[in-house]
Amino acid sequence: MIKRIQQFFNTQIQARTGSGPQDSQQALQLATAALLIEVSRADFAVDDAEQQAVARAVQNLFGLSRQQTDELIALAEEEAKQSVSLYQFTELVDKQFPAEQKIQIVEMMWRVVFADRDNDMHEEHLVSKVADLLHVPRAAYLRARHVAEGEVNIDPASK
């Protein structure tokens, strides 16, 4: 699998940037995508709306093409399946992203949660846990939730 990840970044990212791939940026993209995938799986039911929300978030955050996004998500799904902890993903994001981007990731996670117009307690718990591991202040966490929630009509009974 490591070979597939390196091949993806060598062919896709290097071609796009015109320079050698930066391992930390590659790992950061993979970790971010894996966190978004994990939140989509938290309620044990991944639907098309959640998958599309993950793809949009990854594509917009990193400026990837649709093909690059699809390949990154496929790799992140494999990585998430093999992972035993969120820590390997959150540690990298926490160390490499400034506070504003960490908050943006939490907001993207909330968008994935609300993509299916349902708010599951497992999803909510996971976003809260990731926000804590990323050292996102509680006020910023709540503001990110409010922004994402305001973009969709949530069933009040699901809260």
N, C-alpha and C. Protein backbone atom coordinates (compact mmCIF):
# COMPACT_ATOMS: atom_id res chain seq x y z
N MET A 1 0.82 -1.19 0.00
CA MET A 1 0.00 0.00 0.00
C MET A 1 0.87 1.26 0.00
N ILE A 2 1.97 1.25 0.73
CA ILE A 2 2.86 2.42 0.74
C ILE A 2 3.29 2.75 -0.69
N LYS A 3 3.55 1.73 -1.47
CA LYS A 3 3.95 1.94 -2.86
C LYS A 3 2.85 2.65 -3.64
N ARG A 4 1.58 2.27 -3.42
CA ARG A 4 0.46 2.92 -4.10
C ARG A 4 0.34 4.38 -3.68
N ILE A 5 0.55 4.66 -2.41
CA ILE A 5 0.46 6.04 -1.93
C ILE A 5 1.56 6.88 -2.57
N GLN A 6 2.79 6.37 -2.54
CA GLN A 6 3.90 7.10 -3.14
C GLN A 6 3.68 7.29 -4.64
N GLN A 7 3.17 6.27 -5.31
CA GLN A 7 2.92 6.37 -6.75
C GLN A 7 1.88 7.45 -7.03
N PHE A 8 0.84 7.50 -6.22
CA PHE A 8 -0.19 8.52 -6.40
C PHE A 8 0.42 9.92 -6.32
N PHE A 9 1.21 10.16 -5.29
CA PHE A 9 1.77 11.48 -5.12
C PHE A 9 2.83 11.79 -6.16
N ASN A 10 3.59 10.81 -6.56
CA ASN A 10 4.59 11.04 -7.60
C ASN A 10 3.96 11.39 -8.93
N THR A 11 2.88 10.71 -9.30
CA THR A 11 2.26 10.96 -10.60
C THR A 11 1.29 12.12 -10.59
N GLN A 12 0.55 12.29 -9.51
CA GLN A 12 -0.50 13.31 -9.48
C GLN A 12 -0.03 14.64 -8.91
N ILE A 13 0.49 14.63 -7.73
CA ILE A 13 0.87 15.88 -7.07
C ILE A 13 2.09 16.49 -7.74
N GLN A 14 3.10 15.68 -8.02
CA GLN A 14 4.31 16.20 -8.64
C GLN A 14 4.00 16.80 -10.01
N ALA A 15 3.16 16.13 -10.78
CA ALA A 15 2.80 16.64 -12.10
C ALA A 15 2.08 17.97 -11.98
N ARG A 16 1.27 18.13 -10.95
CA ARG A 16 0.50 19.36 -10.77
C ARG A 16 1.39 20.51 -10.31
N THR A 17 2.33 20.23 -9.43
CA THR A 17 3.12 21.31 -8.86
C THR A 17 4.38 21.60 -9.64
N GLY A 18 4.85 20.62 -10.42
CA GLY A 18 6.07 20.79 -11.18
C GLY A 18 7.32 20.66 -10.33
N SER A 19 7.17 20.27 -9.08
CA SER A 19 8.33 20.07 -8.22
C SER A 19 8.22 18.71 -7.55
N GLY A 20 9.26 18.32 -6.84
CA GLY A 20 9.25 17.04 -6.14
C GLY A 20 8.18 17.01 -5.07
N PRO A 21 7.62 15.85 -4.83
CA PRO A 21 6.57 15.76 -3.81
C PRO A 21 7.12 16.03 -2.41
N GLN A 22 6.34 16.67 -1.59
CA GLN A 22 6.73 16.94 -0.21
C GLN A 22 6.01 15.93 0.66
N ASP A 23 6.79 15.08 1.31
CA ASP A 23 6.21 14.00 2.10
C ASP A 23 5.23 14.49 3.15
N SER A 24 5.56 15.57 3.82
CA SER A 24 4.67 16.03 4.89
C SER A 24 3.33 16.51 4.33
N GLN A 25 3.33 17.18 3.21
CA GLN A 25 2.08 17.64 2.60
C GLN A 25 1.25 16.46 2.12
N GLN A 26 1.90 15.47 1.57
CA GLN A 26 1.21 14.27 1.10
C GLN A 26 0.55 13.54 2.26
N ALA A 27 1.31 13.36 3.31
CA ALA A 27 0.78 12.68 4.48
C ALA A 27 -0.35 13.48 5.11
N LEU A 28 -0.23 14.79 5.08
CA LEU A 28 -1.26 15.66 5.63
C LEU A 28 -2.56 15.53 4.84
N GLN A 29 -2.47 15.49 3.53
CA GLN A 29 -3.65 15.31 2.70
C GLN A 29 -4.32 13.97 3.00
N LEU A 30 -3.51 12.94 3.11
CA LEU A 30 -4.03 11.60 3.39
C LEU A 30 -4.69 11.56 4.77
N ALA A 31 -4.04 12.16 5.76
CA ALA A 31 -4.59 12.17 7.12
C ALA A 31 -5.91 12.94 7.18
N THR A 32 -5.97 14.07 6.51
CA THR A 32 -7.20 14.87 6.49
C THR A 32 -8.34 14.10 5.84
N ALA A 33 -8.07 13.50 4.70
CA ALA A 33 -9.09 12.70 4.01
C ALA A 33 -9.54 11.54 4.88
N ALA A 34 -8.61 10.90 5.58
CA ALA A 34 -8.96 9.77 6.44
C ALA A 34 -9.86 10.22 7.59
N LEU A 35 -9.62 11.40 8.16
CA LEU A 35 -10.49 11.90 9.23
C LEU A 35 -11.91 12.13 8.71
N LEU A 36 -12.03 12.69 7.52
CA LEU A 36 -13.35 12.93 6.94
C LEU A 36 -14.06 11.61 6.65
N ILE A 37 -13.32 10.63 6.20
CA ILE A 37 -13.90 9.31 5.93
C ILE A 37 -14.35 8.66 7.24
N GLU A 38 -13.54 8.79 8.27
CA GLU A 38 -13.89 8.22 9.57
C GLU A 38 -15.22 8.79 10.09
N VAL A 39 -15.41 10.09 9.93
CA VAL A 39 -16.67 10.67 10.42
C VAL A 39 -17.84 10.20 9.57
N SER A 40 -17.63 9.96 8.28
CA SER A 40 -18.72 9.46 7.44
C SER A 40 -19.12 8.04 7.83
N ARG A 41 -18.21 7.30 8.42
CA ARG A 41 -18.47 5.92 8.83
C ARG A 41 -18.97 5.80 10.27
N ALA A 42 -18.91 6.87 11.02
CA ALA A 42 -19.19 6.81 12.45
C ALA A 42 -20.58 6.31 12.79
N ASP A 43 -21.55 6.57 11.92
CA ASP A 43 -22.92 6.11 12.19
C ASP A 43 -23.21 4.76 11.54
N PHE A 44 -22.19 4.12 11.02
CA PHE A 44 -22.27 2.79 10.41
C PHE A 44 -23.11 2.74 9.15
N ALA A 45 -23.38 3.90 8.55
CA ALA A 45 -24.15 3.97 7.31
C ALA A 45 -23.62 5.13 6.47
N VAL A 46 -22.82 4.80 5.46
CA VAL A 46 -22.26 5.83 4.58
C VAL A 46 -23.16 5.94 3.36
N ASP A 47 -23.69 7.14 3.12
CA ASP A 47 -24.54 7.31 1.94
C ASP A 47 -23.86 8.22 0.92
N ASP A 48 -24.47 8.36 -0.23
CA ASP A 48 -23.89 9.15 -1.32
C ASP A 48 -23.63 10.59 -0.92
N ALA A 49 -24.56 11.17 -0.16
CA ALA A 49 -24.40 12.57 0.23
C ALA A 49 -23.14 12.76 1.09
N GLU A 50 -22.88 11.81 1.97
CA GLU A 50 -21.68 11.90 2.80
C GLU A 50 -20.41 11.71 1.96
N GLN A 51 -20.44 10.77 1.04
CA GLN A 51 -19.29 10.54 0.17
C GLN A 51 -19.01 11.79 -0.67
N GLN A 52 -20.05 12.41 -1.17
CA GLN A 52 -19.87 13.64 -1.96
C GLN A 52 -19.33 14.78 -1.10
N ALA A 53 -19.78 14.85 0.15
CA ALA A 53 -19.29 15.89 1.06
C ALA A 53 -17.80 15.70 1.34
N VAL A 54 -17.38 14.46 1.51
CA VAL A 54 -15.96 14.17 1.72
C VAL A 54 -15.16 14.58 0.48
N ALA A 55 -15.63 14.20 -0.69
CA ALA A 55 -14.92 14.52 -1.94
C ALA A 55 -14.82 16.03 -2.14
N ARG A 56 -15.92 16.75 -1.92
CA ARG A 56 -15.90 18.21 -2.07
C ARG A 56 -14.91 18.85 -1.11
N ALA A 57 -14.92 18.40 0.12
CA ALA A 57 -14.04 18.98 1.13
C ALA A 57 -12.58 18.77 0.77
N VAL A 58 -12.23 17.56 0.39
CA VAL A 58 -10.83 17.25 0.04
C VAL A 58 -10.42 18.02 -1.21
N GLN A 59 -11.27 18.02 -2.20
CA GLN A 59 -10.95 18.69 -3.46
C GLN A 59 -10.77 20.19 -3.24
N ASN A 60 -11.66 20.81 -2.49
CA ASN A 60 -11.58 22.25 -2.25
C ASN A 60 -10.41 22.64 -1.36
N LEU A 61 -10.16 21.85 -0.32
CA LEU A 61 -9.09 22.19 0.62
C LEU A 61 -7.72 22.12 -0.04
N PHE A 62 -7.50 21.12 -0.87
CA PHE A 62 -6.17 20.90 -1.44
C PHE A 62 -6.06 21.28 -2.92
N GLY A 63 -7.15 21.74 -3.53
CA GLY A 63 -7.10 22.16 -4.93
C GLY A 63 -6.77 21.02 -5.89
N LEU A 64 -7.32 19.86 -5.64
CA LEU A 64 -7.05 18.68 -6.47
C LEU A 64 -8.06 18.56 -7.60
N SER A 65 -7.66 17.86 -8.65
CA SER A 65 -8.60 17.54 -9.71
C SER A 65 -9.54 16.44 -9.21
N ARG A 66 -10.57 16.16 -9.97
CA ARG A 66 -11.51 15.11 -9.59
C ARG A 66 -10.80 13.75 -9.51
N GLN A 67 -9.93 13.47 -10.47
CA GLN A 67 -9.20 12.19 -10.49
C GLN A 67 -8.27 12.10 -9.28
N GLN A 68 -7.55 13.16 -8.99
CA GLN A 68 -6.66 13.17 -7.83
C GLN A 68 -7.45 12.98 -6.54
N THR A 69 -8.60 13.63 -6.47
CA THR A 69 -9.46 13.50 -5.30
C THR A 69 -9.92 12.07 -5.11
N ASP A 70 -10.39 11.46 -6.20
CA ASP A 70 -10.86 10.07 -6.13
C ASP A 70 -9.75 9.13 -5.67
N GLU A 71 -8.55 9.33 -6.20
CA GLU A 71 -7.43 8.48 -5.83
C GLU A 71 -7.02 8.70 -4.38
N LEU A 72 -6.99 9.95 -3.94
CA LEU A 72 -6.65 10.25 -2.56
C LEU A 72 -7.67 9.63 -1.61
N ILE A 73 -8.94 9.74 -1.94
CA ILE A 73 -9.98 9.18 -1.08
C ILE A 73 -9.87 7.66 -1.03
N ALA A 74 -9.60 7.03 -2.15
CA ALA A 74 -9.44 5.57 -2.16
C ALA A 74 -8.28 5.16 -1.25
N LEU A 75 -7.18 5.88 -1.33
CA LEU A 75 -6.04 5.58 -0.47
C LEU A 75 -6.36 5.85 1.00
N ALA A 76 -7.06 6.93 1.26
CA ALA A 76 -7.42 7.28 2.63
C ALA A 76 -8.39 6.25 3.21
N GLU A 77 -9.29 5.73 2.39
CA GLU A 77 -10.20 4.68 2.86
C GLU A 77 -9.42 3.45 3.27
N GLU A 78 -8.43 3.06 2.48
CA GLU A 78 -7.59 1.92 2.84
C GLU A 78 -6.83 2.20 4.13
N GLU A 79 -6.29 3.39 4.24
CA GLU A 79 -5.54 3.77 5.43
C GLU A 79 -6.44 3.76 6.66
N ALA A 80 -7.66 4.29 6.53
CA ALA A 80 -8.60 4.33 7.65
C ALA A 80 -9.01 2.92 8.07
N LYS A 81 -9.19 2.04 7.12
CA LYS A 81 -9.55 0.65 7.44
C LYS A 81 -8.46 -0.04 8.25
N GLN A 82 -7.22 0.27 7.95
CA GLN A 82 -6.09 -0.39 8.62
C GLN A 82 -5.70 0.30 9.92
N SER A 83 -6.21 1.47 10.14
CA SER A 83 -5.85 2.24 11.32
C SER A 83 -6.52 1.67 12.57
N VAL A 84 -5.80 1.74 13.67
CA VAL A 84 -6.36 1.30 14.95
C VAL A 84 -6.71 2.50 15.84
N SER A 85 -6.35 3.69 15.38
CA SER A 85 -6.55 4.88 16.20
C SER A 85 -6.65 6.12 15.32
N LEU A 86 -7.34 7.11 15.80
CA LEU A 86 -7.39 8.40 15.12
C LEU A 86 -6.11 9.19 15.34
N TYR A 87 -5.36 8.82 16.34
CA TYR A 87 -4.20 9.59 16.75
C TYR A 87 -3.19 9.76 15.62
N GLN A 88 -2.98 8.71 14.83
CA GLN A 88 -1.99 8.84 13.75
C GLN A 88 -2.38 9.92 12.75
N PHE A 89 -3.67 10.15 12.59
CA PHE A 89 -4.14 11.19 11.68
C PHE A 89 -4.15 12.55 12.36
N THR A 90 -4.70 12.60 13.58
CA THR A 90 -4.82 13.89 14.26
C THR A 90 -3.48 14.47 14.65
N GLU A 91 -2.53 13.63 14.99
CA GLU A 91 -1.21 14.12 15.37
C GLU A 91 -0.57 14.89 14.22
N LEU A 92 -0.65 14.34 13.04
CA LEU A 92 -0.07 14.97 11.87
C LEU A 92 -0.76 16.30 11.55
N VAL A 93 -2.08 16.29 11.55
CA VAL A 93 -2.84 17.51 11.27
C VAL A 93 -2.57 18.56 12.35
N ASP A 94 -2.54 18.14 13.61
CA ASP A 94 -2.32 19.07 14.70
C ASP A 94 -0.95 19.75 14.60
N LYS A 95 0.05 18.99 14.21
CA LYS A 95 1.40 19.54 14.12
C LYS A 95 1.63 20.39 12.87
N GLN A 96 0.93 20.09 11.78
CA GLN A 96 1.24 20.73 10.51
C GLN A 96 0.30 21.87 10.10
N PHE A 97 -0.91 21.87 10.62
CA PHE A 97 -1.87 22.89 10.23
C PHE A 97 -1.94 23.99 11.27
N PRO A 98 -2.09 25.24 10.83
CA PRO A 98 -2.34 26.32 11.79
C PRO A 98 -3.77 26.21 12.33
N ALA A 99 -4.04 26.95 13.37
CA ALA A 99 -5.34 26.88 14.05
C ALA A 99 -6.52 27.08 13.09
N GLU A 100 -6.40 28.02 12.16
CA GLU A 100 -7.52 28.31 11.25
C GLU A 100 -7.86 27.09 10.39
N GLN A 101 -6.84 26.37 9.93
CA GLN A 101 -7.10 25.21 9.09
C GLN A 101 -7.64 24.04 9.91
N LYS A 102 -7.24 23.93 11.15
CA LYS A 102 -7.81 22.89 12.02
C LYS A 102 -9.30 23.14 12.21
N ILE A 103 -9.65 24.39 12.41
CA ILE A 103 -11.07 24.75 12.55
C ILE A 103 -11.81 24.45 11.25
N GLN A 104 -11.17 24.73 10.14
CA GLN A 104 -11.77 24.43 8.83
C GLN A 104 -12.01 22.93 8.68
N ILE A 105 -11.10 22.11 9.15
CA ILE A 105 -11.28 20.66 9.08
C ILE A 105 -12.46 20.24 9.95
N VAL A 106 -12.57 20.80 11.14
CA VAL A 106 -13.72 20.49 12.01
C VAL A 106 -15.02 20.90 11.33
N GLU A 107 -15.02 22.05 10.68
CA GLU A 107 -16.21 22.49 9.95
C GLU A 107 -16.54 21.53 8.81
N MET A 108 -15.52 21.07 8.10
CA MET A 108 -15.75 20.10 7.02
C MET A 108 -16.30 18.79 7.58
N MET A 109 -15.82 18.40 8.74
CA MET A 109 -16.33 17.18 9.37
C MET A 109 -17.81 17.35 9.70
N TRP A 110 -18.18 18.52 10.20
CA TRP A 110 -19.60 18.78 10.47
C TRP A 110 -20.41 18.74 9.18
N ARG A 111 -19.86 19.23 8.09
CA ARG A 111 -20.58 19.17 6.81
C ARG A 111 -20.82 17.72 6.39
N VAL A 112 -19.86 16.86 6.65
CA VAL A 112 -20.04 15.44 6.35
C VAL A 112 -21.14 14.85 7.26
N VAL A 113 -21.11 15.22 8.53
CA VAL A 113 -22.14 14.74 9.47
C VAL A 113 -23.53 15.13 8.99
N PHE A 114 -23.69 16.37 8.57
CA PHE A 114 -25.01 16.88 8.21
C PHE A 114 -25.38 16.62 6.75
N ALA A 115 -24.48 16.04 5.98
CA ALA A 115 -24.74 15.81 4.56
C ALA A 115 -25.97 14.92 4.34
N ASP A 116 -26.17 13.97 5.23
CA ASP A 116 -27.33 13.08 5.10
C ASP A 116 -28.55 13.61 5.85
N ARG A 117 -28.45 14.87 6.29
CA ARG A 117 -29.53 15.57 6.99
C ARG A 117 -29.94 14.85 8.29
N ASP A 118 -28.97 14.19 8.88
CA ASP A 118 -29.19 13.49 10.13
C ASP A 118 -27.99 13.75 11.03
N ASN A 119 -28.22 13.78 12.31
CA ASN A 119 -27.14 14.01 13.26
C ASN A 119 -27.10 12.83 14.21
N ASP A 120 -26.17 11.94 13.99
CA ASP A 120 -26.02 10.74 14.80
C ASP A 120 -25.08 11.03 15.97
N MET A 121 -25.37 10.45 17.13
CA MET A 121 -24.54 10.70 18.31
C MET A 121 -23.12 10.17 18.14
N HIS A 122 -22.93 9.12 17.35
CA HIS A 122 -21.59 8.60 17.11
C HIS A 122 -20.76 9.59 16.28
N GLU A 123 -21.41 10.18 15.29
CA GLU A 123 -20.73 11.18 14.46
C GLU A 123 -20.36 12.39 15.31
N GLU A 124 -21.31 12.85 16.11
CA GLU A 124 -21.07 14.01 16.96
C GLU A 124 -19.92 13.76 17.93
N HIS A 125 -19.90 12.58 18.51
CA HIS A 125 -18.83 12.22 19.44
C HIS A 125 -17.47 12.23 18.73
N LEU A 126 -17.42 11.69 17.52
CA LEU A 126 -16.17 11.63 16.79
C LEU A 126 -15.65 13.02 16.44
N VAL A 127 -16.53 13.90 15.99
CA VAL A 127 -16.10 15.26 15.66
C VAL A 127 -15.58 15.96 16.92
N SER A 128 -16.27 15.78 18.03
CA SER A 128 -15.83 16.37 19.29
C SER A 128 -14.46 15.84 19.70
N LYS A 129 -14.27 14.55 19.56
CA LYS A 129 -12.99 13.93 19.91
C LYS A 129 -11.86 14.45 19.03
N VAL A 130 -12.11 14.53 17.73
CA VAL A 130 -11.09 15.04 16.81
C VAL A 130 -10.78 16.50 17.12
N ALA A 131 -11.81 17.29 17.37
CA ALA A 131 -11.58 18.70 17.70
C ALA A 131 -10.70 18.83 18.94
N ASP A 132 -10.95 17.99 19.94
CA ASP A 132 -10.11 18.01 21.14
C ASP A 132 -8.67 17.62 20.81
N LEU A 133 -8.50 16.58 20.00
CA LEU A 133 -7.15 16.13 19.64
C LEU A 133 -6.41 17.17 18.79
N LEU A 134 -7.17 17.99 18.07
CA LEU A 134 -6.57 19.05 17.25
C LEU A 134 -6.40 20.35 18.04
N HIS A 135 -6.81 20.33 19.29
CA HIS A 135 -6.73 21.49 20.17
C HIS A 135 -7.54 22.68 19.63
N VAL A 136 -8.70 22.36 19.07
CA VAL A 136 -9.62 23.40 18.59
C VAL A 136 -10.42 23.86 19.81
N PRO A 137 -10.41 25.15 20.10
CA PRO A 137 -11.17 25.67 21.25
C PRO A 137 -12.66 25.36 21.12
N ARG A 138 -13.29 25.15 22.25
CA ARG A 138 -14.72 24.78 22.26
C ARG A 138 -15.58 25.80 21.51
N ALA A 139 -15.30 27.07 21.66
CA ALA A 139 -16.08 28.11 20.97
C ALA A 139 -15.95 27.96 19.45
N ALA A 140 -14.76 27.67 18.97
CA ALA A 140 -14.54 27.49 17.53
C ALA A 140 -15.21 26.22 17.04
N TYR A 141 -15.18 25.18 17.85
CA TYR A 141 -15.86 23.92 17.55
C TYR A 141 -17.36 24.15 17.37
N LEU A 142 -17.95 24.88 18.31
CA LEU A 142 -19.40 25.16 18.25
C LEU A 142 -19.74 26.07 17.07
N ARG A 143 -18.89 27.04 16.81
CA ARG A 143 -19.10 27.94 15.67
C ARG A 143 -19.03 27.15 14.36
N ALA A 144 -18.08 26.24 14.25
CA ALA A 144 -17.96 25.40 13.04
C ALA A 144 -19.21 24.56 12.86
N ARG A 145 -19.71 24.02 13.94
CA ARG A 145 -20.95 23.23 13.87
C ARG A 145 -22.11 24.10 13.42
N HIS A 146 -22.21 25.28 13.98
CA HIS A 146 -23.31 26.19 13.65
C HIS A 146 -23.27 26.56 12.16
N VAL A 147 -22.09 26.84 11.65
CA VAL A 147 -21.95 27.19 10.23
C VAL A 147 -22.41 26.03 9.35
N ALA A 148 -21.93 24.83 9.63
CA ALA A 148 -22.29 23.66 8.82
C ALA A 148 -23.76 23.33 8.95
N GLU A 149 -24.27 23.41 10.17
CA GLU A 149 -25.67 23.09 10.41
C GLU A 149 -26.60 24.09 9.72
N GLY A 150 -26.16 25.33 9.64
CA GLY A 150 -26.96 26.36 9.00
C GLY A 150 -27.07 26.18 7.49
N GLU A 151 -26.20 25.37 6.92
CA GLU A 151 -26.21 25.13 5.48
C GLU A 151 -27.25 24.11 5.06
N VAL A 152 -27.79 23.36 6.01
CA VAL A 152 -28.79 22.33 5.71
C VAL A 152 -29.93 22.41 6.72
N ASN A 153 -31.04 21.83 6.35
CA ASN A 153 -32.16 21.71 7.27
C ASN A 153 -32.06 20.38 7.98
N ILE A 154 -31.78 20.42 9.28
CA ILE A 154 -31.60 19.21 10.07
C ILE A 154 -32.93 18.85 10.73
N ASP A 155 -33.23 17.56 10.74
CA ASP A 155 -34.41 17.05 11.41
C ASP A 155 -34.23 17.25 12.91
N PRO A 156 -35.08 18.09 13.54
CA PRO A 156 -34.92 18.37 14.97
C PRO A 156 -35.01 17.11 15.83
N ALA A 157 -35.72 16.10 15.39
CA ALA A 157 -35.86 14.87 16.16
C ALA A 157 -34.56 14.09 16.21
N SER A 158 -33.64 14.37 15.29
CA SER A 158 -32.39 13.60 15.26
C SER A 158 -31.32 14.20 16.17
N LYS A 159 -31.60 15.32 16.79
CA LYS A 159 -30.60 15.95 17.68
C LYS A 159 -30.65 15.33 19.04
